[in-house]
Amino acid sequence: MTNELLRIEGLTKAYPGVVANSDVSFAISPGEIHALLGENGAGKSTLVKMIYGLVKPDSGTMVLRGQPYTPARPSAARAAGVAMVFQHFSLFEALNVAENVALGMENPPPMRELAERIRAVSTEYGLPLDPARRVGDLSAGERQRVEIVRCLLQDPKLLIMDEPTSVLTPQEVDILFQTLRQLSAEGTAILYISHKLEEIRALCDGATILRRGKVVATCTPRDVSARDMAELMVGAVLNPPARAARRDWGDASPALEVAGLSAPSPIAFGTSLKNISFSVQRGEVLGIAGVAGNGQDELLLALSGELATDPGMIKAKGAPVGDLGPNARRALGFVAAPEDRLGHAAAPDMSLVENALLSGVVRKGLTKRGFIDWGATKNWAAEIVAQYDVRTPGTWVAARALSGGNLQKFLMGRELSQAPEVVIINQPTWGVDAAAAAFIRQEILNRAQDGAAVVVISQDLDDLLEVSDRFAALNEGRLTPTRPTEGLTVDEIGLMMGGAHGMEVAHHG
């Protein structure tokens, strides 16, 4: 066929113990927006890394614009017209926009000329950027614009996007989609990876679905339902989380009460918390939305006890706990799962057994007379692996050896299986597939059903709309008043998340 931009035939890549891609073939045409779908571990990342020159295939061929294509490194891919925007941005916060863009170019022009090109390209594609602004001061959506504009300056023929909307408000997603449609109309092909199936239905022309490294189906997303695509990905029927009627626990004081919580951020370029107040009853789930970098990490640190505050700013069952550390709060029934799974939630080089011990020692009673009870710890780690379908050779494996989605399942299991009374989770389904996300959401609802007060902080609105009874949004360290989740529209949610940025979004949208 003459109208193909890229054709891949029989690509295979194996690592010790796992075949990441097995005989994968598909094609993408100029101007086509093509989705790559699959569960965690289905092989999506390995496939795009081969296209982008980060990984060398064991066998198979690629043809780009009619010529054999074998990029030995990303610079060769970029020279051939292939660009990629990664899920995790590679930006230096202390540098400005133009300096960051220059670092990603082989031969950057003089700074003044580069700044002009950034202004011109960002305006042309509806992604306004000030080249002189420091990246540390930008919102997550603006940081993504820097990555996209850096790619567009190379005039790519194929743009690969990995989970591009996971840090955006609904309004910012609309702006991004307008940009991608404009690029598509100009003939740029876009290979689009996302777990958000309704977005794929709205945006993509075609889809290739991977399961366990193999292509299992292709489809036209707008002709099938999101549920159909999810079931093709997992090879099984999916059931949405079931919500039982809320019980009246008859408690006079809330299980968790936050009043006038203010605290400086301990994180470089972080967001200080400003006068946050809310309460959560037993059996209730409060969902907190927000674009990345608006105080989510700081709020979790304050609620978990890692960031000390005035005692009375945080109360559990009416008793002040703001000055208690994490272990003292765990003894009272608190569990917490931060967003940064590798480094904060888990020690990368420790085994799953050791990582289970780190947060479970207090509530699971994993010591005897001052010594660690390794037998009990190993049994509990094995229970988590079995119950949460964690794909791992064993519990002795280091945390860093697991895929992101599998580590996420393990960490959610570790916290949610401690009979908690107060649950605080930031990004519960970050990077997990549809089946795992449904399971984690169901487990969150089950803990609420058992009487826990639950706070779910997430950038994934599907998380919050499926599990929360009440809803609020963080913006620049401030929390909106809480509202019942039922009846909220996506537009209202977007404006709550946008806060002061709402005007800018309306102006550019």
Protein backbone atom coordinates (compact mmCIF):
# COMPACT_ATOMS: atom_id res chain seq x y z
CA MET A 1 0.00 0.00 0.00
CA THR A 2 1.36 3.40 -0.94
CA ASN A 3 -0.45 5.51 1.67
CA GLU A 4 1.25 3.90 4.69
CA LEU A 5 3.62 6.00 6.74
CA LEU A 6 4.87 3.23 9.04
CA ARG A 7 4.42 -0.53 8.75
CA ILE A 8 5.76 -2.92 11.35
CA GLU A 9 5.88 -6.64 10.61
CA GLY A 10 6.45 -9.46 13.09
CA LEU A 11 8.23 -7.39 15.75
CA THR A 12 9.34 -9.59 18.64
CA LYS A 13 11.22 -8.66 21.81
CA ALA A 14 11.94 -11.01 24.72
CA TYR A 15 13.51 -10.37 28.12
CA PRO A 16 14.55 -13.07 30.61
CA GLY A 17 11.35 -14.80 31.72
CA VAL A 18 8.95 -12.71 29.63
CA VAL A 19 8.13 -12.12 25.96
CA ALA A 20 7.22 -8.42 25.82
CA ASN A 21 6.18 -8.44 22.14
CA SER A 22 5.45 -11.50 20.02
CA ASP A 23 5.06 -11.18 16.23
CA VAL A 24 3.39 -7.73 16.38
CA SER A 25 2.27 -6.25 13.05
CA PHE A 26 0.26 -3.13 12.19
CA ALA A 27 0.39 -0.06 9.96
CA ILE A 28 -0.36 3.64 10.39
CA SER A 29 -1.13 6.11 7.58
CA PRO A 30 -0.25 9.81 7.27
CA GLY A 31 -2.75 11.89 9.25
CA GLU A 32 -4.16 8.86 11.08
CA ILE A 33 -4.66 8.97 14.85
CA HIS A 34 -4.10 5.34 15.85
CA ALA A 35 -4.65 4.00 19.37
CA LEU A 36 -2.46 1.34 20.96
CA LEU A 37 -4.46 -0.41 23.67
CA GLY A 38 -3.71 -3.09 26.21
CA GLU A 39 -3.50 -3.97 29.87
CA ASN A 40 -0.39 -3.35 31.98
CA GLY A 41 2.31 -5.66 30.73
CA ALA A 42 0.59 -6.11 27.34
CA GLY A 43 3.70 -4.78 25.59
CA LYS A 44 2.68 -1.24 24.58
CA SER A 45 5.71 0.50 26.10
CA THR A 46 8.22 -1.96 24.63
CA LEU A 47 6.61 -1.56 21.19
CA VAL A 48 6.82 2.24 21.13
CA LYS A 49 10.36 2.12 22.54
CA MET A 50 11.36 -0.01 19.51
CA ILE A 51 9.74 2.52 17.15
CA TYR A 52 11.53 5.37 18.96
CA GLY A 53 14.96 3.68 18.94
CA LEU A 54 15.21 3.05 22.71
CA VAL A 55 14.97 -0.76 22.38
CA LYS A 56 16.29 -3.01 19.62
CA PRO A 57 13.85 -5.70 18.40
CA ASP A 58 14.98 -9.35 18.42
CA SER A 59 13.26 -9.96 15.07
CA GLY A 60 10.80 -8.36 12.66
CA THR A 61 10.98 -5.33 10.37
CA MET A 62 9.84 -1.71 10.26
CA VAL A 63 9.30 0.32 7.09
CA LEU A 64 8.98 4.12 7.35
CA ARG A 65 7.90 6.06 4.23
CA GLY A 66 8.83 3.08 2.04
CA GLN A 67 12.37 2.72 3.44
CA PRO A 68 13.70 0.12 5.93
CA TYR A 69 13.68 1.75 9.38
CA THR A 70 16.09 0.54 12.11
CA PRO A 71 16.72 3.41 14.56
CA ALA A 72 19.71 2.63 16.78
CA ARG A 73 18.89 5.47 19.17
CA PRO A 74 16.22 8.18 19.68
CA SER A 75 18.27 10.80 17.81
CA ALA A 76 18.08 8.57 14.70
CA ALA A 77 14.30 8.24 15.16
CA ARG A 78 13.93 12.01 15.46
CA ALA A 79 16.07 12.54 12.34
CA ALA A 80 13.71 10.18 10.48
CA GLY A 81 10.66 12.22 11.60
CA VAL A 82 9.52 10.24 14.66
CA ALA A 83 8.90 12.19 17.90
CA MET A 84 7.62 11.04 21.30
CA VAL A 85 5.96 12.71 24.29
CA PHE A 86 6.51 10.50 27.35
CA GLN A 87 4.05 10.00 30.22
CA HIS A 88 6.64 11.33 32.69
CA PHE A 89 8.02 14.68 31.57
CA SER A 90 11.79 15.11 31.27
CA LEU A 91 12.04 18.80 32.15
CA PHE A 92 14.38 20.78 34.40
CA GLU A 93 12.28 22.87 36.78
CA ALA A 94 14.97 25.49 37.43
CA LEU A 95 15.33 26.31 33.70
CA ASN A 96 12.93 28.31 31.55
CA VAL A 97 10.81 26.98 28.69
CA ALA A 98 13.25 27.91 25.90
CA GLU A 99 16.24 26.40 27.75
CA ASN A 100 14.34 23.13 28.26
CA VAL A 101 13.35 23.01 24.58
CA ALA A 102 16.98 23.67 23.52
CA LEU A 103 18.21 20.73 25.63
CA GLY A 104 15.98 18.37 23.65
CA MET A 105 17.29 19.49 20.24
CA GLU A 106 20.32 18.16 18.35
CA ASN A 107 21.35 21.60 17.00
CA PRO A 108 19.39 24.34 18.77
CA PRO A 109 19.31 27.78 17.12
CA PRO A 110 20.34 30.92 19.05
CA MET A 111 18.09 31.54 22.08
CA ARG A 112 16.34 34.63 20.69
CA GLU A 113 15.48 32.81 17.46
CA LEU A 114 14.36 29.71 19.38
CA ALA A 115 12.09 31.82 21.62
CA GLU A 116 10.42 33.29 18.52
CA ARG A 117 9.89 29.81 17.03
CA ILE A 118 8.40 28.56 20.31
CA ARG A 119 5.99 31.50 20.37
CA ALA A 120 5.03 30.99 16.73
CA VAL A 121 4.53 27.20 16.91
CA SER A 122 2.76 27.25 20.28
CA THR A 123 0.34 29.92 19.05
CA GLU A 124 -0.26 28.17 15.72
CA TYR A 125 -1.30 24.97 17.48
CA GLY A 126 -3.36 26.55 20.26
CA LEU A 127 -0.82 25.74 23.01
CA PRO A 128 0.30 29.22 24.14
CA LEU A 129 3.67 29.26 25.94
CA ASP A 130 5.92 32.02 27.24
CA PRO A 131 9.52 30.94 26.39
CA ALA A 132 10.92 32.95 29.32
CA ARG A 133 8.80 31.36 32.07
CA ARG A 134 10.52 29.01 34.51
CA VAL A 135 9.24 25.43 34.19
CA GLY A 136 8.98 25.08 37.99
CA ASP A 137 6.22 27.72 37.90
CA LEU A 138 4.16 25.99 35.19
CA SER A 139 1.06 23.84 35.72
CA ALA A 140 1.18 20.19 34.62
CA GLY A 141 -0.82 21.05 31.50
CA GLU A 142 1.63 23.81 30.58
CA ARG A 143 4.60 21.47 31.14
CA GLN A 144 3.06 19.03 28.72
CA ARG A 145 2.79 21.86 26.18
CA VAL A 146 6.57 22.34 26.50
CA GLU A 147 7.13 18.66 25.63
CA ILE A 148 4.69 18.82 22.69
CA VAL A 149 6.10 22.07 21.29
CA ARG A 150 9.64 20.61 21.60
CA CYS A 151 8.44 17.74 19.37
CA LEU A 152 6.59 20.01 16.92
CA LEU A 153 9.72 22.11 16.30
CA GLN A 154 11.20 18.97 14.69
CA ASP A 155 8.29 18.87 12.19
CA PRO A 156 7.56 15.18 12.94
CA LYS A 157 5.80 12.83 10.52
CA LEU A 158 4.85 10.48 13.39
CA LEU A 159 4.12 11.67 16.93
CA ILE A 160 3.92 9.03 19.69
CA MET A 161 1.95 10.06 22.81
CA ASP A 162 2.04 7.95 25.99
CA GLU A 163 -0.89 8.60 28.39
CA PRO A 164 -0.98 12.31 27.45
CA THR A 165 -4.14 13.29 29.34
CA SER A 166 -3.39 11.79 32.76
CA VAL A 167 -2.42 15.21 34.18
CA LEU A 168 -4.98 17.45 32.43
CA THR A 169 -8.34 18.99 33.32
CA PRO A 170 -11.27 18.19 30.99
CA GLN A 171 -10.88 21.65 29.44
CA GLU A 172 -7.15 21.10 28.83
CA VAL A 173 -7.97 17.72 27.23
CA ASP A 174 -10.27 19.55 24.80
CA ILE A 175 -7.43 21.96 23.87
CA LEU A 176 -4.99 19.04 23.38
CA PHE A 177 -7.48 17.20 21.16
CA GLN A 178 -7.95 20.30 19.00
CA THR A 179 -4.14 20.41 18.56
CA LEU A 180 -3.92 16.71 17.69
CA ARG A 181 -6.77 17.00 15.17
CA GLN A 182 -5.00 20.00 13.58
CA LEU A 183 -1.76 17.99 13.29
CA SER A 184 -3.70 15.07 11.83
CA ALA A 185 -5.34 17.34 9.24
CA GLU A 186 -1.85 18.51 8.20
CA GLY A 187 -0.76 14.90 7.62
CA THR A 188 1.08 14.07 10.87
CA ALA A 189 0.34 10.53 12.06
CA ILE A 190 -0.25 10.10 15.81
CA LEU A 191 0.23 6.86 17.74
CA TYR A 192 -1.78 7.30 20.92
CA ILE A 193 -1.51 5.20 24.12
CA SER A 194 -4.19 5.72 26.77
CA HIS A 195 -6.23 3.81 29.34
CA LYS A 196 -9.08 6.34 28.90
CA LEU A 197 -11.29 4.53 26.43
CA GLU A 198 -13.95 7.23 25.98
CA GLU A 199 -11.16 9.60 24.89
CA ILE A 200 -9.98 7.03 22.37
CA ARG A 201 -13.53 6.73 21.01
CA ALA A 202 -13.70 10.51 20.60
CA LEU A 203 -10.24 10.97 19.05
CA CYS A 204 -8.87 7.91 17.26
CA ASP A 205 -9.46 6.60 13.72
CA GLY A 206 -8.22 3.07 14.37
CA ALA A 207 -6.94 0.91 17.22
CA THR A 208 -4.60 -2.06 17.64
CA ILE A 209 -5.24 -4.08 20.81
CA LEU A 210 -2.44 -6.01 22.50
CA ARG A 211 -2.82 -8.76 25.10
CA ARG A 212 0.23 -10.43 26.67
CA GLY A 213 2.51 -9.16 23.90
CA LYS A 214 0.37 -10.26 20.93
CA VAL A 215 -2.08 -8.37 18.68
CA VAL A 216 -5.50 -9.82 19.54
CA ALA A 217 -7.79 -7.39 17.69
CA THR A 218 -8.10 -4.21 15.65
CA CYS A 219 -11.14 -1.95 15.63
CA THR A 220 -12.54 1.46 14.71
CA PRO A 221 -13.02 2.97 18.20
CA ARG A 222 -16.02 5.17 17.36
CA ASP A 223 -17.92 2.08 16.13
CA VAL A 224 -17.56 0.09 19.38
CA SER A 225 -18.25 0.85 23.05
CA ALA A 226 -15.56 1.55 25.64
CA ARG A 227 -16.68 -1.59 27.42
CA ASP A 228 -16.19 -3.66 24.23
CA MET A 229 -12.61 -2.35 23.94
CA ALA A 230 -11.88 -3.02 27.63
CA GLU A 231 -13.13 -6.61 27.27
CA LEU A 232 -10.96 -7.15 24.17
CA MET A 233 -7.97 -5.89 26.18
CA VAL A 234 -8.48 -8.23 29.13
CA GLY A 235 -10.16 -11.15 27.32
CA ALA A 236 -12.93 -11.27 29.92
CA VAL A 237 -16.26 -9.67 30.82
CA LEU A 238 -15.89 -6.60 33.08
CA ASN A 239 -18.30 -5.65 35.82
CA PRO A 240 -18.44 -2.05 37.05
CA PRO A 241 -17.88 -1.58 40.82
CA ALA A 242 -21.01 -2.32 42.85
CA ARG A 243 -22.03 0.16 45.54
CA ALA A 244 -24.02 -1.11 48.48
CA ALA A 245 -26.37 1.24 50.36
CA ARG A 246 -24.48 3.29 52.96
CA ARG A 247 -24.93 2.21 56.53
CA ASP A 248 -25.59 4.63 59.38
CA TRP A 249 -22.68 4.11 61.76
CA GLY A 250 -24.25 6.45 64.32
CA ASP A 251 -21.03 8.31 65.13
CA ALA A 252 -21.37 11.81 66.51
CA SER A 253 -17.96 13.09 65.41
CA PRO A 254 -16.44 12.52 61.95
CA ALA A 255 -13.82 9.78 61.58
CA LEU A 256 -11.54 12.38 59.98
CA GLU A 257 -11.85 16.14 60.39
CA VAL A 258 -9.55 18.73 58.84
CA ALA A 259 -9.95 22.36 59.94
CA GLY A 260 -7.96 25.33 58.61
CA LEU A 261 -5.06 23.12 57.49
CA SER A 262 -2.20 25.34 56.33
CA ALA A 263 1.36 24.15 55.86
CA PRO A 264 4.40 25.17 53.81
CA SER A 265 5.44 22.60 51.21
CA PRO A 266 8.54 20.57 52.12
CA ILE A 267 8.98 19.80 48.38
CA ALA A 268 11.11 21.93 46.02
CA PHE A 269 8.73 23.86 43.71
CA GLY A 270 5.88 22.38 45.77
CA THR A 271 2.53 23.95 46.63
CA SER A 272 1.80 25.08 50.18
CA LEU A 273 -1.55 24.11 51.71
CA LYS A 274 -3.84 27.07 52.36
CA ASN A 275 -6.68 26.87 54.90
CA ILE A 276 -8.10 23.47 53.88
CA SER A 277 -11.20 22.22 55.72
CA PHE A 278 -13.33 19.09 55.23
CA SER A 279 -14.67 16.14 57.18
CA VAL A 280 -15.32 12.48 56.32
CA GLN A 281 -17.71 10.18 58.19
CA ARG A 282 -17.28 6.44 58.63
CA GLY A 283 -18.36 4.59 55.49
CA GLU A 284 -17.98 7.67 53.30
CA VAL A 285 -15.65 8.32 50.33
CA LEU A 286 -14.50 11.88 49.65
CA GLY A 287 -13.02 12.34 46.16
CA ILE A 288 -10.50 15.15 45.67
CA ALA A 289 -9.70 16.12 42.07
CA GLY A 290 -6.98 18.40 40.79
CA VAL A 291 -4.39 18.83 38.10
CA ALA A 292 -0.94 17.56 39.18
CA GLY A 293 1.06 19.97 41.28
CA ASN A 294 -1.77 21.74 43.09
CA GLY A 295 -1.00 20.41 46.59
CA GLN A 296 -1.99 16.73 46.30
CA ASP A 297 1.36 15.40 47.56
CA GLU A 298 1.42 17.90 50.41
CA LEU A 299 -2.15 17.02 51.46
CA LEU A 300 -1.27 13.32 51.60
CA LEU A 301 1.89 14.08 53.64
CA ALA A 302 -0.15 16.11 56.15
CA LEU A 303 -2.91 13.49 56.46
CA SER A 304 -0.47 10.53 56.76
CA GLY A 305 1.67 12.21 59.43
CA GLU A 306 4.81 12.73 57.33
CA LEU A 307 4.27 16.50 57.47
CA ALA A 308 3.54 17.64 61.05
CA THR A 309 0.95 20.38 61.60
CA ASP A 310 -0.71 22.06 64.58
CA PRO A 311 -2.42 19.24 66.54
CA GLY A 312 -5.95 20.60 66.10
CA MET A 313 -5.76 21.02 62.31
CA ILE A 314 -6.39 17.26 61.88
CA LYS A 315 -8.66 15.23 64.16
CA ALA A 316 -9.57 11.53 64.24
CA LYS A 317 -12.88 10.81 66.01
CA GLY A 318 -12.63 14.22 67.65
CA ALA A 319 -9.09 13.76 69.02
CA PRO A 320 -6.29 16.02 67.68
CA VAL A 321 -3.64 14.08 65.71
CA GLY A 322 -1.95 16.81 63.63
CA ASP A 323 1.36 16.45 65.49
CA LEU A 324 1.47 12.62 65.41
CA GLY A 325 3.89 10.82 63.09
CA PRO A 326 2.96 8.07 60.58
CA ASN A 327 3.35 5.06 62.93
CA ALA A 328 1.30 6.70 65.68
CA ARG A 329 -1.45 7.42 63.13
CA ARG A 330 -1.27 3.86 61.78
CA ALA A 331 -1.85 2.60 65.32
CA LEU A 332 -5.07 4.70 65.29
CA GLY A 333 -6.20 3.05 62.03
CA PHE A 334 -4.74 5.36 59.36
CA VAL A 335 -3.32 3.90 56.12
CA ALA A 336 -1.87 5.98 53.28
CA ALA A 337 -0.67 5.33 49.73
CA PRO A 338 1.27 8.18 48.07
CA GLU A 339 1.38 8.84 44.32
CA ASP A 340 5.12 8.23 43.87
CA ARG A 341 5.15 4.46 44.03
CA LEU A 342 8.86 3.87 43.46
CA GLY A 343 10.78 5.74 46.14
CA HIS A 344 8.00 7.03 48.38
CA ALA A 345 5.41 4.23 48.60
CA ALA A 346 7.99 1.48 48.02
CA ALA A 347 11.75 1.11 48.53
CA PRO A 348 12.91 0.14 45.01
CA ASP A 349 15.66 -2.33 45.97
CA MET A 350 13.76 -4.02 48.79
CA SER A 351 11.74 -7.18 48.14
CA LEU A 352 7.94 -7.22 48.19
CA VAL A 353 8.11 -8.95 51.61
CA GLU A 354 10.28 -6.14 53.01
CA ASN A 355 8.05 -3.51 51.43
CA ALA A 356 5.00 -5.15 53.02
CA LEU A 357 6.73 -4.94 56.40
CA LEU A 358 7.52 -1.21 56.00
CA SER A 359 3.93 -0.04 56.30
CA GLY A 360 2.24 -3.12 57.81
CA VAL A 361 4.40 -3.66 60.87
CA VAL A 362 2.11 -1.69 63.22
CA ARG A 363 -1.37 -2.78 62.11
CA LYS A 364 -0.52 -6.36 61.12
CA GLY A 365 1.54 -7.02 64.27
CA LEU A 366 4.59 -8.23 62.36
CA THR A 367 6.99 -8.21 65.32
CA LYS A 368 7.31 -10.57 68.29
CA ARG A 369 9.18 -9.36 71.39
CA GLY A 370 11.00 -6.78 69.29
CA PHE A 371 11.99 -9.18 66.48
CA ILE A 372 10.50 -9.20 62.98
CA ASP A 373 8.15 -12.14 62.38
CA TRP A 374 9.35 -12.97 58.85
CA GLY A 375 7.03 -15.97 58.51
CA ALA A 376 3.92 -13.85 59.09
CA THR A 377 5.29 -11.09 56.83
CA LYS A 378 5.97 -13.52 53.96
CA ASN A 379 2.49 -15.05 54.30
CA TRP A 380 0.85 -11.63 54.20
CA ALA A 381 2.89 -10.52 51.15
CA ALA A 382 1.85 -13.75 49.38
CA GLU A 383 -1.82 -13.07 50.25
CA ILE A 384 -1.59 -9.58 48.70
CA VAL A 385 0.01 -10.99 45.52
CA ALA A 386 -2.74 -13.62 45.20
CA GLN A 387 -5.71 -11.38 46.02
CA TYR A 388 -4.62 -8.44 43.85
CA ASP A 389 -3.38 -10.56 40.91
CA VAL A 390 0.15 -9.10 41.11
CA ARG A 391 2.16 -10.54 38.21
CA THR A 392 5.54 -11.39 39.78
CA PRO A 393 7.80 -14.49 39.91
CA GLY A 394 7.59 -14.33 43.72
CA THR A 395 7.47 -12.12 46.82
CA TRP A 396 11.31 -12.12 47.03
CA VAL A 397 11.52 -9.95 43.88
CA ALA A 398 12.68 -6.33 44.30
CA ALA A 399 9.93 -3.72 43.95
CA ARG A 400 11.73 -2.06 41.02
CA ALA A 401 11.53 -5.30 38.98
CA LEU A 402 7.71 -5.11 38.77
CA SER A 403 5.91 -3.19 36.02
CA GLY A 404 4.36 0.06 37.24
CA GLY A 405 0.83 -1.34 37.14
CA ASN A 406 1.73 -4.50 39.06
CA LEU A 407 3.60 -2.56 41.74
CA GLN A 408 0.56 -0.29 42.03
CA LYS A 409 -1.69 -3.32 42.64
CA PHE A 410 0.69 -4.62 45.33
CA LEU A 411 0.84 -1.26 47.13
CA MET A 412 -2.95 -0.81 47.05
CA GLY A 413 -3.33 -4.32 48.46
CA ARG A 414 -0.77 -3.63 51.19
CA GLU A 415 -2.70 -0.60 52.47
CA LEU A 416 -6.28 -1.77 51.93
CA SER A 417 -5.74 -5.16 53.65
CA GLN A 418 -4.80 -3.62 57.02
CA ALA A 419 -8.40 -3.28 58.33
CA PRO A 420 -8.10 0.52 58.10
CA GLU A 421 -10.33 3.08 59.78
CA VAL A 422 -9.05 6.05 57.74
CA VAL A 423 -7.76 5.56 54.17
CA ILE A 424 -5.83 8.24 52.25
CA ILE A 425 -4.83 7.35 48.68
CA ASN A 426 -3.26 9.54 46.00
CA GLN A 427 -3.74 8.21 42.42
CA PRO A 428 -5.12 4.71 43.23
CA THR A 429 -5.27 3.50 39.62
CA TRP A 430 -2.23 5.36 38.22
CA GLY A 431 -1.02 3.42 35.19
CA VAL A 432 -3.17 0.31 35.74
CA ASP A 433 -5.45 -1.22 33.13
CA ALA A 434 -9.25 -1.34 33.07
CA ALA A 435 -9.60 -4.67 34.90
CA ALA A 436 -7.14 -3.74 37.68
CA ALA A 437 -8.69 -0.26 38.02
CA ALA A 438 -12.16 -1.80 38.45
CA PHE A 439 -10.81 -4.19 41.10
CA ILE A 440 -9.01 -1.44 43.05
CA ARG A 441 -12.09 0.80 42.98
CA GLN A 442 -14.21 -2.09 44.26
CA GLU A 443 -11.74 -2.70 47.11
CA ILE A 444 -11.92 1.01 48.05
CA LEU A 445 -15.73 0.77 48.16
CA ASN A 446 -15.46 -2.42 50.23
CA ARG A 447 -13.31 -0.65 52.86
CA ALA A 448 -15.90 2.13 53.06
CA GLN A 449 -18.60 -0.53 53.42
CA ASP A 450 -16.57 -1.95 56.34
CA GLY A 451 -16.79 1.46 58.02
CA ALA A 452 -13.55 3.20 56.95
CA ALA A 453 -13.51 6.92 56.15
CA VAL A 454 -11.83 7.21 52.74
CA VAL A 455 -10.11 10.14 51.00
CA VAL A 456 -9.24 9.45 47.34
CA ILE A 457 -7.05 12.08 45.67
CA SER A 458 -6.91 11.50 41.91
CA GLN A 459 -6.36 13.14 38.53
CA ASP A 460 -8.50 10.37 37.00
CA LEU A 461 -12.10 11.57 37.08
CA ASP A 462 -13.38 8.04 36.43
CA ASP A 463 -11.87 7.01 39.79
CA LEU A 464 -13.66 9.79 41.61
CA LEU A 465 -17.01 9.56 39.84
CA GLU A 466 -17.20 5.79 40.44
CA VAL A 467 -16.24 5.69 44.13
CA SER A 468 -16.90 9.04 45.81
CA ASP A 469 -19.98 10.17 47.72
CA ARG A 470 -18.77 13.76 47.91
CA PHE A 471 -16.38 15.69 45.68
CA ALA A 472 -13.97 18.63 46.00
CA ALA A 473 -11.03 19.96 43.96
CA LEU A 474 -7.57 21.24 44.89
CA ASN A 475 -6.25 24.31 43.12
CA GLU A 476 -2.99 26.05 44.11
CA GLY A 477 -3.16 24.52 47.57
CA ARG A 478 -6.78 25.54 48.25
CA LEU A 479 -9.74 23.16 48.42
CA THR A 480 -13.16 23.98 47.00
CA PRO A 481 -16.20 23.35 49.22
CA THR A 482 -17.27 19.70 49.04
CA ARG A 483 -20.35 18.82 46.96
CA PRO A 484 -22.34 15.61 46.46
CA THR A 485 -20.80 13.72 43.54
CA GLU A 486 -24.17 12.68 42.16
CA GLY A 487 -25.37 15.10 39.48
CA LEU A 488 -22.00 16.85 38.95
CA THR A 489 -21.22 17.49 35.26
CA VAL A 490 -17.74 17.15 33.76
CA ASP A 491 -17.83 20.86 32.92
CA GLU A 492 -18.53 21.80 36.56
CA ILE A 493 -15.73 19.49 37.68
CA GLY A 494 -13.32 21.03 35.17
CA LEU A 495 -14.08 24.53 36.43
CA MET A 496 -13.61 23.40 40.06
CA MET A 497 -10.23 21.89 39.10
CA GLY A 498 -9.24 24.93 37.06
CA GLY A 499 -9.96 27.42 39.83
CA ALA A 500 -8.19 30.65 38.88
CA HIS A 501 -7.05 28.99 35.60
CA GLY A 502 -10.68 28.69 34.49
CA MET A 503 -10.58 32.07 32.75
CA GLU A 504 -7.43 31.15 30.80
CA VAL A 505 -9.00 27.89 29.64
CA ALA A 506 -12.20 29.66 28.56
CA HIS A 507 -10.15 32.29 26.72
CA HIS A 508 -8.09 29.80 24.70
CA GLY A 509 -10.71 27.07 24.29
